[in-house]
Every structure is written in structure tokens, then in C-alpha cells.
Protein backbone atom coordinates (compact mmCIF):
# COMPACT_ATOMS: atom_id res chain seq x y z
CA UNK A 1 0.00 0.00 0.00
CA UNK A 2 2.94 2.39 0.47
CA UNK A 3 5.01 1.40 -2.55
CA UNK A 4 5.16 4.98 -3.88
CA UNK A 5 6.57 6.21 -0.56
CA UNK A 6 9.05 3.32 -0.52
CA UNK A 7 10.30 4.22 -4.02
CA UNK A 8 10.67 7.87 -3.00
CA UNK A 9 12.69 7.07 0.13
CA UNK A 10 14.80 4.10 -0.94
CA UNK A 11 17.00 3.16 -3.86
CA UNK A 12 17.19 -0.62 -3.36
CA UNK A 13 14.98 -3.48 -2.38
CA UNK A 14 14.52 -5.51 0.75
CA UNK A 15 13.99 -9.18 1.44
CA UNK A 16 11.19 -8.32 3.88
CA UNK A 17 7.70 -9.08 2.64
CA UNK A 18 4.33 -8.82 4.37
CA UNK A 19 1.24 -10.56 3.05
CA UNK A 20 -2.36 -10.78 4.24
CA UNK A 21 -4.14 -14.11 3.94
CA UNK A 22 -7.78 -13.99 2.90
CA UNK A 23 -10.14 -14.77 5.74
CA UNK A 24 -8.06 -13.12 8.45
CA UNK A 25 -8.17 -16.20 10.71
CA UNK A 26 -5.36 -17.14 13.07
CA UNK A 27 -5.83 -20.89 12.49
CA UNK A 28 -5.66 -20.44 8.72
CA UNK A 29 -2.44 -18.43 9.17
CA UNK A 30 -0.96 -21.11 11.45
CA UNK A 31 -1.76 -23.80 8.86
CA UNK A 32 -0.03 -21.72 6.18
CA UNK A 33 3.13 -21.42 8.29
CA UNK A 34 3.07 -25.10 9.21
CA UNK A 35 2.77 -26.08 5.53
CA UNK A 36 5.95 -24.21 4.54
CA UNK A 37 9.01 -26.42 4.10
CA UNK A 38 11.77 -23.92 3.30
CA UNK A 39 10.77 -21.07 5.61
CA UNK A 40 11.56 -21.42 9.32
CA UNK A 41 9.07 -19.94 11.78
CA UNK A 42 10.94 -17.44 13.97
CA UNK A 43 10.42 -14.11 15.69
CA UNK A 44 13.77 -12.83 14.46
CA UNK A 45 13.72 -11.96 10.77
CA UNK A 46 17.41 -11.20 10.37
CA UNK A 47 19.03 -14.47 9.31
CA UNK A 48 20.51 -15.68 6.03
CA UNK A 49 17.83 -18.36 5.82
CA UNK A 50 14.22 -17.65 4.88
CA UNK A 51 12.14 -16.94 7.97
CA UNK A 52 8.44 -16.38 8.54
CA UNK A 53 6.34 -15.12 11.44
CA UNK A 54 2.75 -14.51 12.46
CA UNK A 55 2.95 -11.18 14.33
CA UNK A 56 -0.52 -11.39 15.90
CA UNK A 57 0.53 -14.36 18.03
CA UNK A 58 4.29 -13.87 18.13
CA UNK A 59 5.98 -10.45 18.21
CA UNK A 60 2.78 -8.48 18.91
CA UNK A 61 0.85 -11.00 21.01
CA UNK A 62 0.91 -8.68 24.05
CA UNK A 63 -0.56 -5.74 22.10
CA UNK A 64 -4.35 -5.44 22.56
CA UNK A 65 -6.24 -6.72 19.50
CA UNK A 66 -7.90 -3.37 18.76
CA UNK A 67 -4.53 -1.60 18.74
CA UNK A 68 -2.98 -4.35 16.56
CA UNK A 69 -5.78 -3.92 14.02
CA UNK A 70 -5.22 -0.14 13.97
CA UNK A 71 -1.60 -0.89 13.11
CA UNK A 72 -2.62 -3.33 10.37
CA UNK A 73 -1.47 -6.35 12.36
CA UNK A 74 -4.37 -8.68 11.74
CA UNK A 75 -4.65 -12.43 12.31
CA UNK A 76 -4.01 -12.88 8.59
CA UNK A 77 -0.76 -10.88 8.45
CA UNK A 78 2.32 -12.97 7.63
CA UNK A 79 5.81 -11.46 7.62
CA UNK A 80 8.52 -13.13 5.59
CA UNK A 81 12.25 -12.56 5.41
CA UNK A 82 13.61 -14.01 2.17
CA UNK A 83 16.97 -15.69 2.59
CA UNK A 84 19.56 -17.07 0.20
CA UNK A 85 17.61 -20.08 -1.06
CA UNK A 86 16.70 -20.38 -4.73
CA UNK A 87 13.83 -18.00 -5.51
CA UNK A 88 11.98 -20.62 -7.57
CA UNK A 89 12.10 -23.05 -4.65
CA UNK A 90 10.75 -20.39 -2.29
CA UNK A 91 7.92 -19.44 -4.65
CA UNK A 92 7.00 -23.08 -5.09
CA UNK A 93 6.96 -23.52 -1.31
CA UNK A 94 4.55 -20.58 -0.90
CA UNK A 95 2.30 -21.54 -3.79
CA UNK A 96 1.87 -25.23 -2.84
């Protein structure tokens, strides 16, 4: 949603990606994470390997739900840190 601002402020790209799953359900999000084979579930997103987290129940679990929603941190928000694995393998892992 803020791609124009990103382009204005930055000259490169990042390996950090946020996606919203349809349905906005925590159990659906957990199933998505559990299904991934190449991404490791972790609260730290700063490794060389591909990592994934569900902020609503991990990094922001202590934040009241109403405040999380105001920040855009819904039960369907998934944060991914893309590592050094082959991009085709990662895409296949997500799409399966």
C-alpha cells in the first residue's frame, strides 16, 4: 500500500515481505506457516535463511487486539524474510 513512498525514500529493495491471507483467521495463518518447508518460523527476521512469522501471536501478542488492528497487524498478516535459497524453490513452497 505504500510502494510509492518506498520508491521515493529508498533506492534498493529488501527481502522483507508482508502478506495478508484472505479470511483473516489465526488458524488459517498457522496452517499456512506449518505447511511451509523452506521457511523457518521465527520471531527474528534477520538471518541468512528464509524466515516467517505470524505477528498477531508472536511479536505483537501482548498488544491489545484493537490496537494491533489499527496498526494493520491482523490475524491474517504474515511477515517473511527471504533468505539465500533459490527464488523458484521459495515461490513453489509458498504456492503449494
